[in-house]
Each structure stands twice: as C-alpha cells, then as structure tokens.
PDB file of N, CA and C in Angstrom:
ATOM      1  N   MET A   1      -7.637  -6.777   7.820  1.00  0.00           N
ATOM      2  CA  MET A   1      -8.007  -7.878   8.307  1.00  0.00           C
ATOM      3  C   MET A   1      -9.300  -8.389   9.181  1.00  0.00           C
ATOM      4  N   GLY A   2     -10.421  -7.080   8.939  1.00  0.00           N
ATOM      5  CA  GLY A   2     -11.317  -7.480   9.745  1.00  0.00           C
ATOM      6  C   GLY A   2     -11.361  -6.947  11.266  1.00  0.00           C
ATOM      7  N   TRP A   3      -9.788  -7.964  11.741  1.00  0.00           N
ATOM      8  CA  TRP A   3     -10.245  -7.760  12.923  1.00  0.00           C
ATOM      9  C   TRP A   3     -10.892  -7.853  13.617  1.00  0.00           C
ATOM     10  N   LYS A   4     -11.205  -8.986  13.503  1.00  0.00           N
ATOM     11  CA  LYS A   4     -12.644  -9.664  14.178  1.00  0.00           C
ATOM     12  C   LYS A   4     -12.279 -11.093  15.192  1.00  0.00           C
ATOM     13  N   HIS A   5     -10.927 -11.302  14.606  1.00  0.00           N
ATOM     14  CA  HIS A   5     -10.558 -12.624  15.171  1.00  0.00           C
ATOM     15  C   HIS A   5      -9.389 -12.646  16.354  1.00  0.00           C
ATOM     16  N   ARG A   6      -9.180 -12.991  17.282  1.00  0.00           N
ATOM     17  CA  ARG A   6      -7.860 -12.341  18.699  1.00  0.00           C
ATOM     18  C   ARG A   6      -7.187 -13.384  18.095  1.00  0.00           C
ATOM     19  N   ILE A   7      -6.913 -14.121  17.079  1.00  0.00           N
ATOM     20  CA  ILE A   7      -5.766 -15.345  16.137  1.00  0.00           C
ATOM     21  C   ILE A   7      -6.589 -15.896  15.267  1.00  0.00           C
ATOM     22  N   MET A   8      -5.156 -15.084  14.818  1.00  0.00           N
ATOM     23  CA  MET A   8      -5.697 -14.807  13.136  1.00  0.00           C
ATOM     24  C   MET A   8      -5.899 -16.000  12.439  1.00  0.00           C
ATOM     25  N   PRO A   9      -6.775 -16.536  11.713  1.00  0.00           N
ATOM     26  CA  PRO A   9      -6.137 -17.491  10.926  1.00  0.00           C
ATOM     27  C   PRO A   9      -5.119 -17.847  10.204  1.00  0.00           C
ATOM     28  N   SER A  10      -5.310 -19.352   9.973  1.00  0.00           N
ATOM     29  CA  SER A  10      -3.652 -19.212   9.066  1.00  0.00           C
ATOM     30  C   SER A  10      -3.923 -19.501   7.879  1.00  0.00           C
ATOM     31  N   GLN A  11      -4.623 -19.424   7.348  1.00  0.00           N
ATOM     32  CA  GLN A  11      -5.209 -18.555   5.437  1.00  0.00           C
ATOM     33  C   GLN A  11      -5.134 -16.962   5.786  1.00  0.00           C
ATOM     34  N   MET A  12      -5.393 -16.581   6.976  1.00  0.00           N
ATOM     35  CA  MET A  12      -5.580 -15.163   6.858  1.00  0.00           C
ATOM     36  C   MET A  12      -4.131 -14.301   7.298  1.00  0.00           C
ATOM     37  N   ARG A  13      -2.518 -15.137   7.755  1.00  0.00           N
ATOM     38  CA  ARG A  13      -1.713 -14.777   8.492  1.00  0.00           C
ATOM     39  C   ARG A  13      -0.778 -14.648   7.008  1.00  0.00           C
ATOM     40  N   ILE A  14      -1.495 -15.979   6.041  1.00  0.00           N
ATOM     41  CA  ILE A  14      -0.869 -16.003   4.942  1.00  0.00           C
ATOM     42  C   ILE A  14      -0.808 -14.732   4.240  1.00  0.00           C
ATOM     43  N   ALA A  15      -2.155 -14.571   3.965  1.00  0.00           N
ATOM     44  CA  ALA A  15      -2.909 -13.063   3.412  1.00  0.00           C
ATOM     45  C   ALA A  15      -1.618 -11.964   3.511  1.00  0.00           C
ATOM     46  N   CYS A  16      -2.360 -11.833   5.123  1.00  0.00           N
ATOM     47  CA  CYS A  16      -1.479 -10.678   5.919  1.00  0.00           C
ATOM     48  C   CYS A  16       0.093 -10.556   5.555  1.00  0.00           C
ATOM     49  N   ALA A  17       0.356 -11.734   5.586  1.00  0.00           N
ATOM     50  CA  ALA A  17       1.727 -11.323   5.381  1.00  0.00           C
ATOM     51  C   ALA A  17       2.584 -10.752   3.771  1.00  0.00           C
ATOM     52  N   ILE A  18       1.345 -11.545   2.937  1.00  0.00           N
ATOM     53  CA  ILE A  18       1.937 -10.988   1.818  1.00  0.00           C
ATOM     54  C   ILE A  18       1.548  -9.887   1.194  1.00  0.00           C
ATOM     55  N   SER A  19       0.790  -9.124   2.371  1.00  0.00           N
ATOM     56  CA  SER A  19       0.476  -7.906   2.121  1.00  0.00           C
ATOM     57  C   SER A  19       1.501  -7.302   2.811  1.00  0.00           C
ATOM     58  N   VAL A  20       2.030  -7.334   3.923  1.00  0.00           N
ATOM     59  CA  VAL A  20       3.041  -6.451   4.319  1.00  0.00           C
ATOM     60  C   VAL A  20       4.139  -6.661   3.403  1.00  0.00           C
ATOM     61  N   VAL A  21       4.858  -8.136   2.672  1.00  0.00           N
ATOM     62  CA  VAL A  21       5.434  -7.672   1.967  1.00  0.00           C
ATOM     63  C   VAL A  21       5.458  -6.645   0.598  1.00  0.00           C
ATOM     64  N   ILE A  22       4.615  -6.544   0.097  1.00  0.00           N
ATOM     65  CA  ILE A  22       3.456  -5.733  -1.081  1.00  0.00           C
ATOM     66  C   ILE A  22       4.316  -4.240  -0.313  1.00  0.00           C
ATOM     67  N   GLN A  23       3.225  -3.801   0.244  1.00  0.00           N
ATOM     68  CA  GLN A  23       3.412  -2.727   1.015  1.00  0.00           C
ATOM     69  C   GLN A  23       5.093  -2.678   1.195  1.00  0.00           C
ATOM     70  N   LEU A  24       6.288  -3.265   2.290  1.00  0.00           N
ATOM     71  CA  LEU A  24       6.950  -3.682   1.722  1.00  0.00           C
ATOM     72  C   LEU A  24       7.650  -2.226   0.911  1.00  0.00           C
ATOM     73  N   ILE A  25       8.018  -3.489   0.016  1.00  0.00           N
ATOM     74  CA  ILE A  25       8.488  -2.896  -1.148  1.00  0.00           C
ATOM     75  C   ILE A  25       8.472  -1.880  -2.009  1.00  0.00           C
ATOM     76  N   ALA A  26       7.190  -1.772  -1.451  1.00  0.00           N
ATOM     77  CA  ALA A  26       6.108  -0.150  -2.241  1.00  0.00           C
ATOM     78  C   ALA A  26       6.660   0.713  -1.363  1.00  0.00           C
ATOM     79  N   ILE A  27       6.585   1.238  -0.477  1.00  0.00           N
ATOM     80  CA  ILE A  27       7.507   2.059   0.632  1.00  0.00           C
ATOM     81  C   ILE A  27       9.249   1.953  -0.237  1.00  0.00           C
ATOM     82  N   MET A  28       9.666   1.068   0.032  1.00  0.00           N
ATOM     83  CA  MET A  28      11.690   1.261  -0.633  1.00  0.00           C
ATOM     84  C   MET A  28      10.934   2.069  -1.671  1.00  0.00           C
ATOM     85  N   TYR A  29      10.201   1.271  -2.329  1.00  0.00           N
ATOM     86  CA  TYR A  29      10.614   1.380  -4.357  1.00  0.00           C
ATOM     87  C   TYR A  29      10.029   3.632  -4.344  1.00  0.00           C
ATOM     88  N   LEU A  30       8.935   3.860  -3.873  1.00  0.00           N
ATOM     89  CA  LEU A  30       8.444   5.170  -3.170  1.00  0.00           C
ATOM     90  C   LEU A  30       9.791   5.999  -2.567  1.00  0.00           C
ATOM     91  N   LEU A  31      10.541   5.675  -1.858  1.00  0.00           N
ATOM     92  CA  LEU A  31      12.042   7.158  -1.061  1.00  0.00           C
ATOM     93  C   LEU A  31      12.655   6.459  -1.882  1.00  0.00           C
ATOM     94  N   GLN A  32      12.992   5.539  -2.706  1.00  0.00           N
ATOM     95  CA  GLN A  32      14.337   5.654  -3.901  1.00  0.00           C
ATOM     96  C   GLN A  32      13.806   6.442  -5.523  1.00  0.00           C
ATOM     97  N   ALA A  33      12.288   6.541  -5.313  1.00  0.00           N
ATOM     98  CA  ALA A  33      11.740   7.764  -6.058  1.00  0.00           C
ATOM     99  C   ALA A  33      11.609   8.587  -6.348  1.00  0.00           C
ATOM    100  N   GLY A  34      11.986   9.078  -4.524  1.00  0.00           N
ATOM    101  CA  GLY A  34      11.792  10.616  -3.892  1.00  0.00           C
ATOM    102  C   GLY A  34      13.269  10.673  -3.304  1.00  0.00           C
ATOM    103  N   ASN A  35      14.404  10.073  -4.394  1.00  0.00           N
ATOM    104  CA  ASN A  35      15.328  10.157  -4.145  1.00  0.00           C
ATOM    105  C   ASN A  35      16.244  10.172  -2.414  1.00  0.00           C
ATOM    106  N   VAL A  36      15.263   9.859  -1.550  1.00  0.00           N
ATOM    107  CA  VAL A  36      15.274   9.352  -0.096  1.00  0.00           C
ATOM    108  C   VAL A  36      16.501   7.999  -0.257  1.00  0.00           C
ATOM    109  N   ILE A  37      16.837   7.070  -0.372  1.00  0.00           N
ATOM    110  CA  ILE A  37      17.428   5.692  -0.262  1.00  0.00           C
ATOM    111  C   ILE A  37      17.641   5.572  -1.843  1.00  0.00           C
ATOM    112  N   SER A  38      18.469   4.691  -1.751  1.00  0.00           N
ATOM    113  CA  SER A  38      19.294   3.932  -2.987  1.00  0.00           C
ATOM    114  C   SER A  38      19.192   2.556  -2.633  1.00  0.00           C
ATOM    115  N   ILE A  39      18.260   1.731  -3.623  1.00  0.00           N
ATOM    116  CA  ILE A  39      18.180   0.134  -3.297  1.00  0.00           C
ATOM    117  C   ILE A  39      18.640  -0.097  -5.144  1.00  0.00           C
ATOM    118  N   GLY A  40      19.023   0.359  -5.667  1.00  0.00           N
ATOM    119  CA  GLY A  40      19.232   0.130  -7.378  1.00  0.00           C
ATOM    120  C   GLY A  40      18.331  -0.447  -8.170  1.00  0.00           C
ATOM    121  N   LEU A  41      17.157   0.387  -7.843  1.00  0.00           N
ATOM    122  CA  LEU A  41      15.565  -0.252  -8.836  1.00  0.00           C
ATOM    123  C   LEU A  41      15.747   0.778  -9.639  1.00  0.00           C
ATOM    124  N   PRO A  42      15.839   0.303 -11.074  1.00  0.00           N
ATOM    125  CA  PRO A  42      15.164   1.209 -11.787  1.00  0.00           C
ATOM    126  C   PRO A  42      13.557   2.184 -11.815  1.00  0.00           C
ATOM    127  N   PHE A  43      14.163   2.847 -11.758  1.00  0.00           N
ATOM    128  CA  PHE A  43      12.844   4.473 -11.705  1.00  0.00           C
ATOM    129  C   PHE A  43      11.671   3.785 -12.680  1.00  0.00           C
ATOM    130  N   ASP A  44      10.738   2.927 -13.173  1.00  0.00           N
ATOM    131  CA  ASP A  44       9.030   3.031 -13.622  1.00  0.00           C
ATOM    132  C   ASP A  44       7.718   3.783 -13.129  1.00  0.00           C
ATOM    133  N   ARG A  45       7.650   5.082 -13.966  1.00  0.00           N
ATOM    134  CA  ARG A  45       6.655   5.061 -13.770  1.00  0.00           C
ATOM    135  C   ARG A  45       5.312   3.782 -13.602  1.00  0.00           C
ATOM    136  N   GLY A  46       5.652   2.901 -14.263  1.00  0.00           N
ATOM    137  CA  GLY A  46       4.175   1.529 -14.190  1.00  0.00           C
ATOM    138  C   GLY A  46       4.225   1.505 -12.995  1.00  0.00           C
ATOM    139  N   VAL A  47       5.068   0.909 -12.101  1.00  0.00           N
ATOM    140  CA  VAL A  47       5.076   0.231 -11.295  1.00  0.00           C
ATOM    141  C   VAL A  47       4.729   1.913  -9.695  1.00  0.00           C
ATOM    142  N   CYS A  48       4.681   2.573 -10.520  1.00  0.00           N
ATOM    143  CA  CYS A  48       4.215   3.745  -9.259  1.00  0.00           C
ATOM    144  C   CYS A  48       2.673   3.807  -9.684  1.00  0.00           C
ATOM    145  N   TYR A  49       2.115   3.765 -10.852  1.00  0.00           N
ATOM    146  CA  TYR A  49       0.719   3.701 -10.935  1.00  0.00           C
ATOM    147  C   TYR A  49       0.134   2.242 -10.911  1.00  0.00           C
ATOM    148  N   LEU A  50       0.740   1.026 -10.914  1.00  0.00           N
ATOM    149  CA  LEU A  50       0.355   0.077 -10.014  1.00  0.00           C
ATOM    150  C   LEU A  50       0.036  -0.100  -8.812  1.00  0.00           C
ATOM    151  N   PHE A  51       1.611   0.609  -7.977  1.00  0.00           N
ATOM    152  CA  PHE A  51       1.054   0.815  -6.553  1.00  0.00           C
ATOM    153  C   PHE A  51      -0.366   2.140  -6.028  1.00  0.00           C
ATOM    154  N   THR A  52      -0.684   2.737  -6.651  1.00  0.00           N
ATOM    155  CA  THR A  52      -1.720   3.703  -6.898  1.00  0.00           C
ATOM    156  C   THR A  52      -2.779   2.613  -6.769  1.00  0.00           C
ATOM    157  N   VAL A  53      -2.792   2.077  -7.759  1.00  0.00           N
ATOM    158  CA  VAL A  53      -4.630   1.238  -8.111  1.00  0.00           C
ATOM    159  C   VAL A  53      -4.440  -0.115  -6.890  1.00  0.00           C
ATOM    160  N   TYR A  54      -3.043  -0.469  -6.693  1.00  0.00           N
ATOM    161  CA  TYR A  54      -3.665  -1.971  -5.712  1.00  0.00           C
ATOM    162  C   TYR A  54      -3.986  -0.831  -4.222  1.00  0.00           C
ATOM    163  N   LEU A  55      -3.811   0.636  -4.173  1.00  0.00           N
ATOM    164  CA  LEU A  55      -3.390   1.135  -2.687  1.00  0.00           C
ATOM    165  C   LEU A  55      -5.517   2.000  -2.641  1.00  0.00           C
ATOM    166  N   MET A  56      -5.378   1.780  -4.057  1.00  0.00           N
ATOM    167  CA  MET A  56      -7.136   2.875  -3.834  1.00  0.00           C
ATOM    168  C   MET A  56      -8.047   1.797  -3.857  1.00  0.00           C
ATOM    169  N   LEU A  57      -7.416   0.385  -4.730  1.00  0.00           N
ATOM    170  CA  LEU A  57      -9.012  -0.898  -4.059  1.00  0.00           C
ATOM    171  C   LEU A  57      -8.582  -1.463  -2.659  1.00  0.00           C
ATOM    172  N   ASN A  58      -7.677  -1.470  -1.936  1.00  0.00           N
ATOM    173  CA  ASN A  58      -6.966  -1.773  -0.164  1.00  0.00           C
ATOM    174  C   ASN A  58      -7.717  -0.476   0.478  1.00  0.00           C
ATOM    175  N   THR A  59      -7.672   0.776  -0.747  1.00  0.00           N
ATOM    176  CA  THR A  59      -8.894   1.834   0.315  1.00  0.00           C
ATOM    177  C   THR A  59     -10.543   1.236   0.596  1.00  0.00           C
ATOM    178  N   VAL A  60     -10.637   1.255  -1.351  1.00  0.00           N
ATOM    179  CA  VAL A  60     -12.320   0.566  -0.954  1.00  0.00           C
ATOM    180  C   VAL A  60     -12.371  -0.722  -0.293  1.00  0.00           C
ATOM    181  N   LEU A  61     -11.357  -1.178   0.127  1.00  0.00           N
ATOM    182  CA  LEU A  61     -11.818  -2.096   0.333  1.00  0.00           C
ATOM    183  C   LEU A  61     -11.766  -2.231   2.374  1.00  0.00           C
ATOM    184  N   ASN A  62     -11.084  -0.871   3.066  1.00  0.00           N
ATOM    185  CA  ASN A  62     -10.434  -0.740   3.921  1.00  0.00           C
ATOM    186  C   ASN A  62     -12.311   0.141   4.976  1.00  0.00           C
ATOM    187  N   ILE A  63     -12.932   0.514   3.639  1.00  0.00           N
ATOM    188  CA  ILE A  63     -14.087   1.675   3.847  1.00  0.00           C
ATOM    189  C   ILE A  63     -14.563   0.846   3.989  1.00  0.00           C
ATOM    190  N   LEU A  64     -14.952  -1.116   2.743  1.00  0.00           N
ATOM    191  CA  LEU A  64     -16.353  -1.703   2.926  1.00  0.00           C
ATOM    192  C   LEU A  64     -16.031  -2.410   4.672  1.00  0.00           C
ATOM    193  N   SER A  65     -15.265  -2.557   5.732  1.00  0.00           N
ATOM    194  CA  SER A  65     -14.457  -3.096   6.914  1.00  0.00           C
ATOM    195  C   SER A  65     -16.033  -3.425   7.477  1.00  0.00           C
ATOM    196  N   LYS A  66     -16.116  -4.265   8.285  1.00  0.00           N
ATOM    197  CA  LYS A  66     -16.900  -4.437   9.344  1.00  0.00           C
ATOM    198  C   LYS A  66     -16.461  -3.562  10.799  1.00  0.00           C
ATOM    199  N   SER A  67     -15.276  -3.552  10.804  1.00  0.00           N
ATOM    200  CA  SER A  67     -14.500  -2.824  11.488  1.00  0.00           C
ATOM    201  C   SER A  67     -13.812  -1.301  11.970  1.00  0.00           C
ATOM    202  N   LYS A  68     -14.779  -1.037  12.545  1.00  0.00           N
ATOM    203  CA  LYS A  68     -14.930   0.764  12.839  1.00  0.00           C
ATOM    204  C   LYS A  68     -13.065   0.629  13.105  1.00  0.00           C
ATOM    205  N   LYS A  69     -12.302   0.214  13.680  1.00  0.00           N
ATOM    206  CA  LYS A  69     -10.199   0.287  13.644  1.00  0.00           C
ATOM    207  C   LYS A  69     -10.033   0.932  12.448  1.00  0.00           C
ATOM    208  N   GLU A  70     -10.249  -0.670  11.571  1.00  0.00           N
ATOM    209  CA  GLU A  70      -9.517  -0.600   9.859  1.00  0.00           C
ATOM    210  C   GLU A  70      -9.905   0.803   9.564  1.00  0.00           C
ATOM    211  N   ARG A  71     -11.902   0.674   9.372  1.00  0.00           N
ATOM    212  CA  ARG A  71     -12.284   2.102   8.077  1.00  0.00           C
ATOM    213  C   ARG A  71     -11.776   3.727   9.028  1.00  0.00           C
ATOM    214  N   LEU A  72     -11.003   3.505  10.819  1.00  0.00           N
ATOM    215  CA  LEU A  72     -10.840   5.142  10.529  1.00  0.00           C
ATOM    216  C   LEU A  72      -9.443   4.837  10.593  1.00  0.00           C
ATOM    217  N   VAL A  73      -8.288   3.702  10.723  1.00  0.00           N
ATOM    218  CA  VAL A  73      -6.969   4.138  10.967  1.00  0.00           C
ATOM    219  C   VAL A  73      -6.372   3.485  10.098  1.00  0.00           C
ATOM    220  N   MET A  74      -6.593   2.080   8.783  1.00  0.00           N
ATOM    221  CA  MET A  74      -6.440   1.778   8.053  1.00  0.00           C
ATOM    222  C   MET A  74      -6.801   2.666   6.964  1.00  0.00           C
ATOM    223  N   THR A  75      -7.882   3.472   6.667  1.00  0.00           N
ATOM    224  CA  THR A  75      -8.856   3.225   5.050  1.00  0.00           C
ATOM    225  C   THR A  75      -7.630   4.673   5.322  1.00  0.00           C
ATOM    226  N   PRO A  76      -7.613   5.854   5.928  1.00  0.00           N
ATOM    227  CA  PRO A  76      -6.842   6.889   5.654  1.00  0.00           C
ATOM    228  C   PRO A  76      -5.406   7.091   5.667  1.00  0.00           C
ATOM    229  N   LEU A  77      -4.646   5.950   5.689  1.00  0.00           N
ATOM    230  CA  LEU A  77      -3.348   5.389   5.606  1.00  0.00           C
ATOM    231  C   LEU A  77      -2.936   4.850   4.717  1.00  0.00           C
ATOM    232  N   SER A  78      -3.545   4.093   3.715  1.00  0.00           N
ATOM    233  CA  SER A  78      -3.332   3.597   2.657  1.00  0.00           C
ATOM    234  C   SER A  78      -4.532   4.689   1.775  1.00  0.00           C
ATOM    235  N   LEU A  79      -5.273   5.907   1.437  1.00  0.00           N
ATOM    236  CA  LEU A  79      -5.197   6.313   0.544  1.00  0.00           C
ATOM    237  C   LEU A  79      -4.339   7.521   0.219  1.00  0.00           C
ATOM    238  N   ILE A  80      -4.115   8.415   1.461  1.00  0.00           N
ATOM    239  CA  ILE A  80      -2.741   9.336   1.391  1.00  0.00           C
ATOM    240  C   ILE A  80      -1.120   8.070   0.996  1.00  0.00           C
ATOM    241  N   THR A  81      -0.788   6.985   1.265  1.00  0.00           N
ATOM    242  CA  THR A  81      -0.131   5.952   0.276  1.00  0.00           C
ATOM    243  C   THR A  81      -0.518   6.457  -0.949  1.00  0.00           C
ATOM    244  N   ALA A  82      -1.094   5.442  -1.530  1.00  0.00           N
ATOM    245  CA  ALA A  82      -2.025   5.829  -2.831  1.00  0.00           C
ATOM    246  C   ALA A  82      -1.749   7.003  -3.077  1.00  0.00           C
ATOM    247  N   ILE A  83      -1.759   8.503  -2.524  1.00  0.00           N
ATOM    248  CA  ILE A  83      -2.284   9.474  -3.675  1.00  0.00           C
ATOM    249  C   ILE A  83      -0.485  10.192  -3.946  1.00  0.00           C
ATOM    250  N   CYS A  84      -0.045   9.589  -2.415  1.00  0.00           N
ATOM    251  CA  CYS A  84       1.695   9.934  -2.778  1.00  0.00           C
ATOM    252  C   CYS A  84       2.445   9.183  -4.073  1.00  0.00           C
ATOM    253  N   PHE A  85       1.777   7.703  -3.901  1.00  0.00           N
ATOM    254  CA  PHE A  85       2.274   7.281  -5.287  1.00  0.00           C
ATOM    255  C   PHE A  85       1.618   8.109  -6.860  1.00  0.00           C
ATOM    256  N   GLY A  86       0.264   8.164  -6.836  1.00  0.00           N
ATOM    257  CA  GLY A  86       0.541   8.867  -7.740  1.00  0.00           C
ATOM    258  C   GLY A  86       0.623   9.874  -8.104  1.00  0.00           C
ATOM    259  N   PHE A  87       1.114  11.168  -6.943  1.00  0.00           N
ATOM    260  CA  PHE A  87       1.601  12.173  -6.962  1.00  0.00           C
ATOM    261  C   PHE A  87       3.416  12.082  -8.060  1.00  0.00           C
ATOM    262  N   THR A  88       4.032  10.915  -7.134  1.00  0.00           N
ATOM    263  CA  THR A  88       4.967  10.710  -7.776  1.00  0.00           C
ATOM    264  C   THR A  88       5.187   9.918  -9.223  1.00  0.00           C
ATOM    265  N   ALA A  89       4.121   9.339  -8.961  1.00  0.00           N
ATOM    266  CA  ALA A  89       4.180   8.770 -11.129  1.00  0.00           C
ATOM    267  C   ALA A  89       3.972  10.201 -11.790  1.00  0.00           C
ATOM    268  N   ILE A  90       3.312  11.216 -11.576  1.00  0.00           N
ATOM    269  CA  ILE A  90       2.676  12.162 -12.368  1.00  0.00           C
ATOM    270  C   ILE A  90       4.161  12.794 -12.228  1.00  0.00           C
ATOM    271  N   MET A  91       4.687  13.341 -11.348  1.00  0.00           N
ATOM    272  CA  MET A  91       5.829  13.954 -11.498  1.00  0.00           C
ATOM    273  C   MET A  91       6.890  13.809 -11.789  1.00  0.00           C
ATOM    274  N   SER A  92       7.503  12.514 -11.701  1.00  0.00           N
ATOM    275  CA  SER A  92       8.588  11.735 -11.587  1.00  0.00           C
ATOM    276  C   SER A  92       8.748  11.311 -13.387  1.00  0.00           C
ATOM    277  N   GLY A  93       9.797  12.090 -13.669  1.00  0.00           N
ATOM    278  CA  GLY A  93       9.921  11.713 -15.770  1.00  0.00           C
ATOM    279  C   GLY A  93      10.509  10.179 -15.188  1.00  0.00           C
ATOM    280  N   SER A  94      10.529   9.031 -16.126  1.00  0.00           N
ATOM    281  CA  SER A  94      10.808   7.889 -17.070  1.00  0.00           C
ATOM    282  C   SER A  94      12.067   8.097 -17.771  1.00  0.00           C
TER     283      SER A  94
END
C-alpha cells in the first residue's frame, strides 16, 4: 500500500482489509488443494488460475511501488505465492 503514510487513510484501510481477506481465502484454498487442511471447498483449477493472475498483477504493482520495503519484501512473496498457485493448478486434476 505504498508505506508512505504513518497512519493509513480510511480508503486505503478498506482496500488493505479487502486484500487481506482475499489473500487469506487464497491461502486456505491452496492448503486445501495440497491436502494440508480440509475446509470443505471443492477443488477447481479455475480458482487456482484466478489467484495466480491476481497475485501476478499484485507482483507487478509491487515492483512499481515507490516503497523500497514493498519492492524488496512484498514483491518476492507475491511472486512465490503466484508460482505456488500456478503449479497447483497445473499439477492437480479437477
């Protein structure tokens, strides 16, 4: 989110909260797809591809960030997670 505000403005807080929820759902879905946990969601390759695209876009936006911390920390994390989703989608059957 840029890391340029000491106290995040309310609109950025909402966007950040939505992003966190999406990423938590993605993590739970990935863990279930890898048979690490069971939360009762059916496996769907399309969902894995959707999260792959979402996280690749997130990676690009992190690369373009003015924040050095965001570029150095969040970019690799986002890219690694996108690769995990892509690999899961390719290797798992539906």
